[in-house]
């Protein structure tokens, strides 16, 4: 029977575990075609790349990001040392948002594989038997496509806010002011006042 020592992305923090998360999260941002953004009617508010395409993240990658956020929340001294009281409140809000995202994702895709039960010798409670085949995507093939169109947010001038300027002017060495990654009472940007200056050129 599995224990936390057998898990690949959760368990006691380690450099190896962090490396696995980093490898997975490199695919968080990806390109989507100009035509897709045009169909959505979001050309004027999207984050456009020099090649004319736009930045997005697939829902399943956002859900994995959320699970990572919840996981790191169990070990704040490693991942968010010396949090202020405000940061603790924002951490809770971010984690609750992430739980909601994961719930929505599970209910949306609804894996219908039946997990049978079995008895154990050392407790009167039954336990689930997860050793059953699931119909899964081919993850290796999926990441091949993600690799082709992934977007590195730390490349200079990939993310340039029309009001605040470059998001990471020093690349990975940039100190992020909002390290919790959650904005309380977010206010939509006034695109008339701060246009994105998108080129609207046809992408791939």
Protein backbone atom coordinates (compact mmCIF):
# COMPACT_ATOMS: atom_id res chain seq x y z
CA UNK A 1 0.00 0.00 0.00
CA UNK A 2 1.27 3.47 -0.91
CA UNK A 3 2.56 5.96 1.62
CA UNK A 4 3.50 9.60 1.18
CA UNK A 5 7.09 8.48 0.55
CA UNK A 6 5.88 6.91 -2.72
CA UNK A 7 4.22 10.05 -4.08
CA UNK A 8 5.99 11.95 -6.86
CA UNK A 9 4.55 15.47 -6.47
CA UNK A 10 3.54 15.63 -2.80
CA UNK A 11 5.08 14.49 0.47
CA UNK A 12 7.94 15.98 2.44
CA UNK A 13 9.51 18.83 0.43
CA UNK A 14 12.82 18.15 -1.26
CA UNK A 15 14.95 19.51 -4.09
CA UNK A 16 13.95 16.50 -6.19
CA UNK A 17 10.25 17.09 -5.59
CA UNK A 18 10.58 20.82 -6.36
CA UNK A 19 12.39 19.90 -9.57
CA UNK A 20 9.48 17.66 -10.62
CA UNK A 21 7.03 20.51 -10.07
CA UNK A 22 9.24 22.92 -12.02
CA UNK A 23 9.43 20.50 -14.93
CA UNK A 24 5.64 20.20 -14.94
CA UNK A 25 4.92 23.91 -14.50
CA UNK A 26 7.15 24.92 -17.42
CA UNK A 27 4.05 24.28 -19.54
CA UNK A 28 1.78 26.61 -17.57
CA UNK A 29 1.75 29.32 -20.26
CA UNK A 30 1.22 28.43 -23.89
CA UNK A 31 0.49 30.07 -27.22
CA UNK A 32 -3.00 30.03 -28.68
CA UNK A 33 -3.64 31.09 -32.28
CA UNK A 34 -4.69 34.56 -33.33
CA UNK A 35 -7.80 33.04 -34.92
CA UNK A 36 -8.91 31.58 -31.59
CA UNK A 37 -8.65 34.93 -29.80
CA UNK A 38 -10.42 36.60 -32.71
CA UNK A 39 -13.27 34.08 -32.41
CA UNK A 40 -13.53 34.84 -28.67
CA UNK A 41 -13.57 38.57 -29.34
CA UNK A 42 -10.56 39.09 -27.06
CA UNK A 43 -8.00 40.59 -29.44
CA UNK A 44 -7.99 43.92 -27.62
CA UNK A 45 -7.59 42.51 -24.11
CA UNK A 46 -5.33 39.51 -24.64
CA UNK A 47 -1.56 39.24 -24.13
CA UNK A 48 -0.19 39.15 -27.64
CA UNK A 49 3.22 37.74 -28.59
CA UNK A 50 5.55 39.17 -31.24
CA UNK A 51 4.54 36.39 -33.65
CA UNK A 52 0.88 37.51 -33.48
CA UNK A 53 -0.37 34.67 -31.30
CA UNK A 54 -1.61 35.08 -27.73
CA UNK A 55 -0.77 33.72 -24.27
CA UNK A 56 -3.13 31.41 -22.37
CA UNK A 57 -3.00 28.47 -20.01
CA UNK A 58 -4.97 25.29 -20.48
CA UNK A 59 -7.49 24.51 -17.76
CA UNK A 60 -5.77 21.27 -16.74
CA UNK A 61 -2.48 23.14 -16.26
CA UNK A 62 -4.25 25.75 -14.15
CA UNK A 63 -5.73 22.94 -12.05
CA UNK A 64 -2.27 21.41 -11.57
CA UNK A 65 -0.97 24.85 -10.58
CA UNK A 66 -3.78 25.02 -8.03
CA UNK A 67 -2.84 21.66 -6.56
CA UNK A 68 0.75 22.86 -6.30
CA UNK A 69 -0.41 26.01 -4.50
CA UNK A 70 -2.40 23.96 -2.00
CA UNK A 71 0.55 21.62 -1.50
CA UNK A 72 3.04 24.43 -0.88
CA UNK A 73 0.56 25.95 1.57
CA UNK A 74 1.28 23.01 3.90
CA UNK A 75 4.94 24.07 4.09
CA UNK A 76 4.89 27.87 4.29
CA UNK A 77 8.31 28.20 5.93
CA UNK A 78 9.91 26.58 2.89
CA UNK A 79 7.90 28.20 0.14
CA UNK A 80 6.68 31.48 1.71
CA UNK A 81 8.98 32.27 4.63
CA UNK A 82 8.18 35.15 6.97
CA UNK A 83 4.67 35.76 5.66
CA UNK A 84 2.95 38.90 6.83
CA UNK A 85 -0.60 38.71 8.22
CA UNK A 86 -1.87 40.19 4.94
CA UNK A 87 -0.03 37.51 2.98
CA UNK A 88 -1.52 34.79 5.18
CA UNK A 89 -5.01 36.09 4.39
CA UNK A 90 -4.21 36.23 0.67
CA UNK A 91 -2.75 32.71 0.87
CA UNK A 92 -6.01 31.42 2.31
CA UNK A 93 -8.01 33.22 -0.39
CA UNK A 94 -5.74 31.85 -3.11
CA UNK A 95 -5.97 28.30 -1.77
CA UNK A 96 -9.78 28.47 -1.52
CA UNK A 97 -9.90 29.76 -5.10
CA UNK A 98 -7.70 26.84 -6.11
CA UNK A 99 -9.89 24.30 -4.34
CA UNK A 100 -12.89 25.68 -6.22
CA UNK A 101 -10.98 25.39 -9.51
CA UNK A 102 -10.09 21.75 -8.81
CA UNK A 103 -13.67 20.91 -7.79
CA UNK A 104 -14.96 22.45 -11.03
CA UNK A 105 -12.38 20.51 -13.04
CA UNK A 106 -13.20 17.16 -11.40
CA UNK A 107 -16.94 17.65 -11.86
CA UNK A 108 -16.47 18.83 -15.45
CA UNK A 109 -14.49 15.78 -16.60
CA UNK A 110 -15.97 13.26 -14.10
CA UNK A 111 -13.77 10.15 -14.24
CA UNK A 112 -16.36 7.35 -14.11
CA UNK A 113 -13.94 4.55 -13.23
CA UNK A 114 -15.45 2.60 -10.27
CA UNK A 115 -13.11 2.30 -7.32
CA UNK A 116 -14.09 -0.84 -5.41
CA UNK A 117 -13.71 -1.31 -1.66
CA UNK A 118 -11.93 -3.88 0.50
CA UNK A 119 -11.50 -4.74 4.16
CA UNK A 120 -8.32 -4.23 6.13
CA UNK A 121 -7.06 -6.37 9.00
CA UNK A 122 -6.31 -3.54 11.42
CA UNK A 123 -9.42 -1.33 11.22
CA UNK A 124 -13.18 -1.95 11.04
CA UNK A 125 -13.49 0.71 8.30
CA UNK A 126 -13.43 -0.32 4.63
CA UNK A 127 -10.89 1.29 2.33
CA UNK A 128 -10.83 2.12 -1.34
CA UNK A 129 -9.02 -0.10 -3.81
CA UNK A 130 -7.48 2.26 -6.38
CA UNK A 131 -5.59 -0.46 -8.28
CA UNK A 132 -7.77 -0.35 -11.37
CA UNK A 133 -7.12 0.82 -14.93
CA UNK A 134 -8.27 4.30 -15.92
CA UNK A 135 -8.74 5.68 -19.40
CA UNK A 136 -6.14 8.44 -19.46
CA UNK A 137 -4.65 10.82 -21.97
CA UNK A 138 -1.21 10.03 -23.32
CA UNK A 139 0.71 12.48 -21.15
CA UNK A 140 3.95 12.17 -23.11
CA UNK A 141 2.19 12.99 -26.36
CA UNK A 142 0.34 15.85 -24.71
CA UNK A 143 3.54 17.42 -23.39
CA UNK A 144 5.12 17.11 -26.84
CA UNK A 145 2.50 19.58 -28.05
CA UNK A 146 2.95 21.76 -24.98
CA UNK A 147 6.70 21.82 -25.53
CA UNK A 148 6.22 23.17 -29.03
CA UNK A 149 4.11 26.14 -27.96
CA UNK A 150 5.12 26.81 -24.34
CA UNK A 151 5.74 30.42 -23.30
CA UNK A 152 8.48 31.31 -20.82
CA UNK A 153 7.14 34.21 -18.70
CA UNK A 154 10.66 35.10 -17.56
CA UNK A 155 11.89 36.04 -21.02
CA UNK A 156 12.23 39.85 -21.04
CA UNK A 157 9.27 41.73 -22.46
CA UNK A 158 6.99 38.70 -22.83
CA UNK A 159 4.69 40.13 -20.14
CA UNK A 160 4.56 43.93 -20.30
CA UNK A 161 1.69 45.55 -18.43
CA UNK A 162 0.39 48.61 -20.32
CA UNK A 163 0.25 50.60 -17.05
CA UNK A 164 3.04 49.14 -14.89
CA UNK A 165 5.56 48.08 -17.55
CA UNK A 166 7.58 44.83 -17.67
CA UNK A 167 6.42 42.27 -15.11
CA UNK A 168 9.85 40.64 -14.67
CA UNK A 169 12.44 43.20 -15.83
CA UNK A 170 15.27 41.13 -14.27
CA UNK A 171 13.95 37.80 -15.52
CA UNK A 172 14.03 35.07 -12.88
CA UNK A 173 15.98 37.39 -10.60
CA UNK A 174 13.03 39.79 -10.35
CA UNK A 175 11.63 40.14 -6.84
CA UNK A 176 7.87 39.66 -7.22
CA UNK A 177 6.01 42.05 -4.96
CA UNK A 178 2.88 39.87 -4.85
CA UNK A 179 4.51 36.50 -4.17
CA UNK A 180 1.17 34.98 -3.10
CA UNK A 181 -0.13 35.54 -6.63
CA UNK A 182 -3.60 36.62 -5.56
CA UNK A 183 -5.23 40.02 -5.88
CA UNK A 184 -8.05 40.88 -3.50
CA UNK A 185 -10.98 42.65 -5.18
CA UNK A 186 -9.36 42.66 -8.64
CA UNK A 187 -10.18 45.63 -10.85
CA UNK A 188 -10.31 45.19 -14.61
CA UNK A 189 -7.91 47.34 -16.58
CA UNK A 190 -9.40 50.29 -18.46
CA UNK A 191 -8.29 49.35 -21.96
CA UNK A 192 -9.32 52.72 -23.36
CA UNK A 193 -6.94 54.43 -20.94
CA UNK A 194 -4.25 51.74 -21.10
CA UNK A 195 -4.43 50.02 -24.51
CA UNK A 196 -2.43 46.86 -25.02
CA UNK A 197 -0.97 48.16 -28.30
CA UNK A 198 -1.56 44.76 -29.87
CA UNK A 199 -0.45 44.48 -33.47
CA UNK A 200 -3.36 42.22 -34.41
CA UNK A 201 -1.24 40.58 -37.08
CA UNK A 202 -2.22 37.10 -38.16
CA UNK A 203 -0.44 34.40 -36.16
CA UNK A 204 0.33 30.83 -37.15
